[in-house]
N, C-alpha and C. Protein backbone atom coordinates (compact mmCIF):
# COMPACT_ATOMS: atom_id res chain seq x y z
N UNK A 1 -10.11 18.35 -12.49
CA UNK A 1 -9.22 17.61 -13.37
C UNK A 1 -10.06 16.89 -14.41
N UNK A 2 -9.63 16.99 -15.65
CA UNK A 2 -10.37 16.37 -16.74
C UNK A 2 -9.78 14.99 -17.05
N UNK A 3 -10.66 14.01 -17.26
CA UNK A 3 -10.26 12.65 -17.59
C UNK A 3 -10.10 12.54 -19.11
N UNK A 4 -8.87 12.49 -19.58
CA UNK A 4 -8.57 12.41 -21.01
C UNK A 4 -8.32 10.98 -21.46
N UNK A 5 -8.45 10.03 -20.54
CA UNK A 5 -8.08 8.64 -20.83
C UNK A 5 -9.08 7.92 -21.72
N UNK A 6 -10.34 8.36 -21.71
CA UNK A 6 -11.38 7.63 -22.41
C UNK A 6 -11.87 6.43 -21.61
N UNK A 7 -11.46 6.33 -20.35
CA UNK A 7 -11.84 5.22 -19.46
C UNK A 7 -12.65 5.80 -18.31
N UNK A 8 -13.85 5.27 -18.08
CA UNK A 8 -14.69 5.73 -16.98
C UNK A 8 -14.95 4.55 -16.05
N UNK A 9 -14.41 4.59 -14.83
CA UNK A 9 -14.64 3.50 -13.89
C UNK A 9 -16.10 3.45 -13.44
N UNK A 10 -16.57 2.25 -13.08
CA UNK A 10 -17.93 2.07 -12.59
C UNK A 10 -17.89 1.43 -11.20
N UNK A 11 -19.02 1.49 -10.50
CA UNK A 11 -19.20 0.96 -9.15
C UNK A 11 -18.08 1.41 -8.23
N UNK A 12 -17.32 0.46 -7.66
CA UNK A 12 -16.31 0.74 -6.65
C UNK A 12 -14.92 0.92 -7.24
N UNK A 13 -14.82 1.05 -8.55
CA UNK A 13 -13.52 1.15 -9.21
C UNK A 13 -13.03 2.60 -9.25
N UNK A 14 -11.70 2.73 -9.26
CA UNK A 14 -11.05 4.03 -9.39
C UNK A 14 -10.00 3.94 -10.48
N UNK A 15 -9.78 5.03 -11.18
CA UNK A 15 -8.76 5.10 -12.23
C UNK A 15 -7.63 5.97 -11.71
N UNK A 16 -6.43 5.41 -11.72
CA UNK A 16 -5.26 6.07 -11.16
C UNK A 16 -4.21 6.23 -12.24
N UNK A 17 -3.55 7.38 -12.27
CA UNK A 17 -2.40 7.61 -13.15
C UNK A 17 -1.17 7.46 -12.27
N UNK A 18 -0.47 6.30 -12.36
CA UNK A 18 0.72 6.12 -11.54
C UNK A 18 1.82 7.12 -11.92
N UNK A 19 2.59 7.53 -10.94
CA UNK A 19 3.75 8.36 -11.23
C UNK A 19 4.73 7.56 -12.08
N UNK A 20 5.47 8.21 -12.96
CA UNK A 20 6.42 7.47 -13.79
C UNK A 20 7.49 6.81 -12.93
N UNK A 21 7.86 5.59 -13.32
CA UNK A 21 8.89 4.86 -12.59
C UNK A 21 10.27 5.39 -12.94
N UNK A 22 10.48 5.67 -14.20
CA UNK A 22 11.77 6.16 -14.68
C UNK A 22 11.53 7.29 -15.66
N UNK A 23 12.42 8.25 -15.67
CA UNK A 23 12.35 9.30 -16.68
C UNK A 23 13.20 8.95 -17.89
N UNK A 24 14.18 8.07 -17.68
CA UNK A 24 15.07 7.68 -18.76
C UNK A 24 15.18 6.16 -18.79
N UNK A 25 15.64 5.64 -19.89
CA UNK A 25 15.85 4.20 -20.05
C UNK A 25 17.28 3.82 -19.70
N UNK A 26 18.04 4.76 -19.09
CA UNK A 26 19.43 4.52 -18.75
C UNK A 26 19.67 5.02 -17.33
N UNK A 27 20.42 4.26 -16.53
CA UNK A 27 20.73 4.69 -15.17
C UNK A 27 21.78 5.79 -15.20
N UNK A 28 22.00 6.44 -14.05
CA UNK A 28 23.00 7.50 -13.95
C UNK A 28 24.39 6.98 -14.29
N UNK A 29 24.64 5.69 -14.00
CA UNK A 29 25.94 5.08 -14.30
C UNK A 29 26.07 4.63 -15.74
N UNK A 30 25.03 4.84 -16.55
CA UNK A 30 25.10 4.50 -17.96
C UNK A 30 24.56 3.12 -18.31
N UNK A 31 24.01 2.41 -17.33
CA UNK A 31 23.45 1.08 -17.59
C UNK A 31 22.08 1.24 -18.22
N UNK A 32 21.86 0.59 -19.34
CA UNK A 32 20.56 0.66 -20.01
C UNK A 32 19.59 -0.30 -19.33
N UNK A 33 18.39 0.21 -19.05
CA UNK A 33 17.37 -0.59 -18.37
C UNK A 33 16.53 -1.30 -19.42
N UNK A 34 16.50 -2.65 -19.40
CA UNK A 34 15.66 -3.37 -20.37
C UNK A 34 14.19 -3.03 -20.17
N UNK A 35 13.41 -3.06 -21.26
CA UNK A 35 11.99 -2.72 -21.20
C UNK A 35 11.24 -3.54 -20.16
N UNK A 36 11.51 -4.85 -20.06
CA UNK A 36 10.77 -5.68 -19.11
C UNK A 36 11.07 -5.27 -17.67
N UNK A 37 12.30 -4.85 -17.36
CA UNK A 37 12.63 -4.39 -16.01
C UNK A 37 11.91 -3.09 -15.71
N UNK A 38 11.86 -2.20 -16.68
CA UNK A 38 11.15 -0.94 -16.50
C UNK A 38 9.66 -1.18 -16.27
N UNK A 39 9.05 -2.12 -17.01
CA UNK A 39 7.64 -2.44 -16.84
C UNK A 39 7.37 -3.03 -15.46
N UNK A 40 8.25 -3.91 -14.97
CA UNK A 40 8.07 -4.48 -13.63
C UNK A 40 8.14 -3.39 -12.57
N UNK A 41 9.08 -2.46 -12.73
CA UNK A 41 9.20 -1.38 -11.76
C UNK A 41 7.97 -0.49 -11.78
N UNK A 42 7.44 -0.21 -12.97
CA UNK A 42 6.23 0.60 -13.10
C UNK A 42 5.05 -0.08 -12.41
N UNK A 43 4.95 -1.41 -12.54
CA UNK A 43 3.85 -2.14 -11.92
C UNK A 43 3.93 -2.07 -10.40
N UNK A 44 5.13 -1.88 -9.85
CA UNK A 44 5.31 -1.83 -8.41
C UNK A 44 5.06 -0.43 -7.84
N UNK A 45 4.95 0.56 -8.69
CA UNK A 45 4.78 1.94 -8.24
C UNK A 45 3.53 2.08 -7.38
N UNK A 46 3.61 2.82 -6.30
CA UNK A 46 2.47 2.94 -5.39
C UNK A 46 1.99 4.37 -5.20
N UNK A 47 2.53 5.31 -5.93
CA UNK A 47 2.14 6.71 -5.77
C UNK A 47 1.55 7.19 -7.09
N UNK A 48 0.45 7.93 -7.02
CA UNK A 48 -0.15 8.40 -8.25
C UNK A 48 -1.21 9.45 -8.02
N UNK A 49 -1.93 9.76 -9.10
CA UNK A 49 -2.99 10.76 -9.08
C UNK A 49 -4.32 10.09 -9.40
N UNK A 50 -5.32 10.38 -8.60
CA UNK A 50 -6.66 9.86 -8.84
C UNK A 50 -7.27 10.62 -10.01
N UNK A 51 -7.64 9.89 -11.07
CA UNK A 51 -8.15 10.51 -12.29
C UNK A 51 -9.68 10.51 -12.33
N UNK A 52 -10.29 9.38 -11.96
CA UNK A 52 -11.75 9.26 -11.99
C UNK A 52 -12.19 8.20 -10.99
N UNK A 53 -13.42 8.32 -10.49
CA UNK A 53 -13.96 7.35 -9.53
C UNK A 53 -15.33 6.89 -9.99
N UNK A 54 -15.63 5.61 -9.74
CA UNK A 54 -16.94 5.07 -10.03
C UNK A 54 -17.98 5.65 -9.08
N UNK A 55 -19.25 5.48 -9.43
CA UNK A 55 -20.34 6.08 -8.67
C UNK A 55 -20.46 5.61 -7.23
N UNK A 56 -19.99 4.41 -6.91
CA UNK A 56 -20.09 3.89 -5.54
C UNK A 56 -18.77 3.93 -4.79
N UNK A 57 -17.71 4.37 -5.44
CA UNK A 57 -16.38 4.40 -4.81
C UNK A 57 -16.36 5.36 -3.62
N UNK A 58 -15.77 4.92 -2.54
CA UNK A 58 -15.59 5.69 -1.31
C UNK A 58 -16.91 6.03 -0.62
N UNK A 59 -18.00 5.36 -0.94
CA UNK A 59 -19.30 5.67 -0.33
C UNK A 59 -19.65 4.80 0.86
N UNK A 60 -18.86 3.77 1.17
CA UNK A 60 -19.17 2.88 2.30
C UNK A 60 -18.80 3.60 3.60
N UNK A 61 -19.81 4.01 4.42
CA UNK A 61 -19.52 4.74 5.65
C UNK A 61 -18.80 3.91 6.71
N UNK A 62 -18.80 2.57 6.57
CA UNK A 62 -18.06 1.74 7.53
C UNK A 62 -16.57 1.71 7.20
N UNK A 63 -16.21 2.13 5.98
CA UNK A 63 -14.80 2.12 5.56
C UNK A 63 -14.21 3.52 5.49
N UNK A 64 -15.02 4.51 5.09
CA UNK A 64 -14.51 5.83 4.78
C UNK A 64 -15.25 6.89 5.58
N UNK A 65 -14.51 7.83 6.15
CA UNK A 65 -15.14 8.95 6.87
C UNK A 65 -15.63 9.98 5.84
N UNK A 66 -16.46 10.92 6.31
CA UNK A 66 -16.94 11.98 5.42
C UNK A 66 -15.77 12.79 4.85
N UNK A 67 -14.79 13.08 5.70
CA UNK A 67 -13.63 13.86 5.26
C UNK A 67 -12.83 13.10 4.19
N UNK A 68 -12.64 11.80 4.39
CA UNK A 68 -11.91 11.00 3.41
C UNK A 68 -12.65 10.95 2.08
N UNK A 69 -13.96 10.80 2.13
CA UNK A 69 -14.74 10.75 0.89
C UNK A 69 -14.62 12.07 0.12
N UNK A 70 -14.64 13.19 0.83
CA UNK A 70 -14.49 14.49 0.18
C UNK A 70 -13.11 14.64 -0.45
N UNK A 71 -12.09 14.09 0.21
CA UNK A 71 -10.71 14.20 -0.29
C UNK A 71 -10.47 13.33 -1.52
N UNK A 72 -11.29 12.30 -1.73
CA UNK A 72 -11.07 11.36 -2.83
C UNK A 72 -11.74 11.84 -4.12
N UNK A 73 -11.36 12.99 -4.56
CA UNK A 73 -11.88 13.56 -5.80
C UNK A 73 -10.79 13.50 -6.87
N UNK A 74 -11.17 13.52 -8.13
CA UNK A 74 -10.15 13.54 -9.19
C UNK A 74 -9.13 14.66 -8.94
N UNK A 75 -7.87 14.30 -9.11
CA UNK A 75 -6.77 15.23 -8.86
C UNK A 75 -6.07 14.96 -7.55
N UNK A 76 -6.71 14.16 -6.66
CA UNK A 76 -6.09 13.85 -5.37
C UNK A 76 -4.83 13.01 -5.58
N UNK A 77 -3.79 13.33 -4.80
CA UNK A 77 -2.55 12.56 -4.83
C UNK A 77 -2.71 11.44 -3.79
N UNK A 78 -2.41 10.21 -4.19
CA UNK A 78 -2.65 9.05 -3.32
C UNK A 78 -1.51 8.05 -3.38
N UNK A 79 -1.49 7.18 -2.38
CA UNK A 79 -0.71 5.95 -2.41
C UNK A 79 -1.70 4.82 -2.58
N UNK A 80 -1.35 3.84 -3.41
CA UNK A 80 -2.23 2.69 -3.60
C UNK A 80 -1.42 1.41 -3.50
N UNK A 81 -2.11 0.30 -3.24
CA UNK A 81 -1.45 -0.98 -3.00
C UNK A 81 -0.71 -1.49 -4.23
N UNK A 82 0.47 -2.04 -3.99
CA UNK A 82 1.29 -2.59 -5.07
C UNK A 82 0.58 -3.72 -5.78
N UNK A 83 0.78 -3.80 -7.06
CA UNK A 83 0.33 -4.91 -7.91
C UNK A 83 -1.18 -5.11 -7.95
N UNK A 84 -1.96 -4.14 -7.50
CA UNK A 84 -3.41 -4.28 -7.52
C UNK A 84 -3.99 -3.72 -8.81
N UNK A 85 -5.14 -4.23 -9.20
CA UNK A 85 -5.83 -3.71 -10.36
C UNK A 85 -5.20 -4.17 -11.66
N UNK A 86 -5.63 -3.54 -12.73
CA UNK A 86 -5.11 -3.87 -14.04
C UNK A 86 -4.55 -2.61 -14.69
N UNK A 87 -3.53 -2.81 -15.52
CA UNK A 87 -2.91 -1.71 -16.25
C UNK A 87 -3.64 -1.55 -17.58
N UNK A 88 -4.08 -0.33 -17.87
CA UNK A 88 -4.80 -0.03 -19.10
C UNK A 88 -4.11 1.10 -19.85
N UNK A 89 -4.17 1.05 -21.16
CA UNK A 89 -3.69 2.15 -21.98
C UNK A 89 -4.89 3.02 -22.34
N UNK A 90 -4.80 4.30 -22.03
CA UNK A 90 -5.88 5.23 -22.33
C UNK A 90 -5.83 5.70 -23.76
N UNK A 91 -6.91 6.34 -24.19
CA UNK A 91 -7.01 6.89 -25.54
C UNK A 91 -5.96 7.97 -25.76
N UNK A 92 -5.45 8.56 -24.67
CA UNK A 92 -4.43 9.59 -24.76
C UNK A 92 -3.01 9.03 -24.83
N UNK A 93 -2.89 7.69 -24.87
CA UNK A 93 -1.57 7.05 -24.96
C UNK A 93 -0.87 6.87 -23.63
N UNK A 94 -1.49 7.27 -22.54
CA UNK A 94 -0.91 7.13 -21.20
C UNK A 94 -1.35 5.81 -20.57
N UNK A 95 -0.55 5.33 -19.59
CA UNK A 95 -0.92 4.12 -18.84
C UNK A 95 -1.63 4.51 -17.56
N UNK A 96 -2.66 3.71 -17.23
CA UNK A 96 -3.45 3.94 -16.03
C UNK A 96 -3.60 2.62 -15.29
N UNK A 97 -3.97 2.71 -14.01
CA UNK A 97 -4.27 1.54 -13.21
C UNK A 97 -5.73 1.63 -12.79
N UNK A 98 -6.51 0.57 -13.06
CA UNK A 98 -7.90 0.48 -12.64
C UNK A 98 -7.95 -0.45 -11.44
N UNK A 99 -8.34 0.09 -10.27
CA UNK A 99 -8.36 -0.65 -9.01
C UNK A 99 -9.70 -0.44 -8.32
N UNK A 100 -9.87 -1.11 -7.17
CA UNK A 100 -11.05 -0.83 -6.34
C UNK A 100 -10.69 0.28 -5.36
N UNK A 101 -11.70 0.91 -4.79
CA UNK A 101 -11.44 1.97 -3.81
C UNK A 101 -10.67 1.45 -2.60
N UNK A 102 -10.81 0.18 -2.28
CA UNK A 102 -10.10 -0.41 -1.14
C UNK A 102 -8.60 -0.51 -1.37
N UNK A 103 -8.16 -0.39 -2.62
CA UNK A 103 -6.73 -0.43 -2.92
C UNK A 103 -6.04 0.90 -2.63
N UNK A 104 -6.81 1.95 -2.36
CA UNK A 104 -6.24 3.23 -1.98
C UNK A 104 -5.91 3.16 -0.50
N UNK A 105 -4.65 3.38 -0.16
CA UNK A 105 -4.23 3.24 1.23
C UNK A 105 -3.96 4.54 1.94
N UNK A 106 -3.73 5.62 1.19
CA UNK A 106 -3.40 6.89 1.85
C UNK A 106 -3.64 8.06 0.91
N UNK A 107 -3.91 9.19 1.53
CA UNK A 107 -4.03 10.46 0.82
C UNK A 107 -2.73 11.22 1.06
N UNK A 108 -2.14 11.75 0.01
CA UNK A 108 -0.93 12.54 0.17
C UNK A 108 -1.35 13.99 0.39
N UNK A 109 -1.22 14.43 1.63
CA UNK A 109 -1.61 15.80 1.95
C UNK A 109 -0.51 16.79 1.62
N UNK A 110 0.74 16.35 1.75
CA UNK A 110 1.90 17.16 1.37
C UNK A 110 2.87 16.21 0.69
N UNK A 111 3.42 16.61 -0.45
CA UNK A 111 4.40 15.76 -1.12
C UNK A 111 5.57 15.51 -0.18
N UNK A 112 6.01 14.27 -0.14
CA UNK A 112 7.09 13.89 0.76
C UNK A 112 6.58 13.39 2.10
N UNK A 113 5.28 13.54 2.37
CA UNK A 113 4.69 13.07 3.62
C UNK A 113 3.67 11.99 3.30
N UNK A 114 3.45 11.11 4.26
CA UNK A 114 2.48 10.03 4.09
C UNK A 114 1.43 10.14 5.17
N UNK A 115 0.17 10.21 4.79
CA UNK A 115 -0.94 10.27 5.73
C UNK A 115 -1.77 9.01 5.56
N UNK A 116 -1.61 8.03 6.44
CA UNK A 116 -2.33 6.78 6.32
C UNK A 116 -3.81 7.02 6.59
N UNK A 117 -4.65 6.47 5.74
CA UNK A 117 -6.09 6.63 5.90
C UNK A 117 -6.51 5.97 7.20
N UNK A 118 -7.26 6.68 8.01
CA UNK A 118 -7.66 6.22 9.34
C UNK A 118 -8.36 4.87 9.29
N UNK A 119 -7.97 3.99 10.23
CA UNK A 119 -8.64 2.71 10.36
C UNK A 119 -8.27 1.71 9.29
N UNK A 120 -7.34 2.01 8.42
CA UNK A 120 -6.96 1.11 7.33
C UNK A 120 -5.58 0.56 7.59
N UNK A 121 -5.37 -0.67 7.25
CA UNK A 121 -4.03 -1.26 7.32
C UNK A 121 -3.22 -0.73 6.15
N UNK A 122 -1.90 -0.53 6.33
CA UNK A 122 -1.10 0.03 5.27
C UNK A 122 -1.00 -0.86 4.05
N UNK A 123 -1.23 -2.15 4.15
CA UNK A 123 -1.28 -3.09 3.03
C UNK A 123 -0.47 -2.75 1.81
N UNK A 124 0.81 -3.03 1.83
CA UNK A 124 1.64 -2.84 0.66
C UNK A 124 2.24 -1.46 0.55
N UNK A 125 2.00 -0.60 1.50
CA UNK A 125 2.56 0.73 1.43
C UNK A 125 3.93 0.83 2.06
N UNK A 126 4.28 -0.16 2.87
CA UNK A 126 5.57 -0.12 3.55
C UNK A 126 5.54 0.81 4.77
N UNK A 127 4.38 1.31 5.15
CA UNK A 127 4.27 2.18 6.32
C UNK A 127 3.89 1.36 7.53
N UNK A 128 4.31 1.78 8.68
CA UNK A 128 3.99 1.05 9.91
C UNK A 128 2.86 1.72 10.65
């Protein structure tokens, strides 16, 4: 996967492209969603695609297994903690979230399924 954002994370940081919160600015019932409500919902989104990782991200052997580190490559589908990191606008006009590797809570092995990362608390994922 190519990083078109113009943003390169360093150290333990990861760059995530959150899934879109809404496809339209209007609900199915015809209610128009104000921009600030849409932005709040986008900030709460916890599912996305890993775009880039810093050089030290996922390298702590006390936190991450070898298999998990291999899975955390650009293009991986992940769940990440709500409201973590900062929202950045990339050079490509898209919004990204810059977080630490510890904000990644799960690897999505199959869409519709949740695979909690071993030994990690779900922290904001809503999983038990």
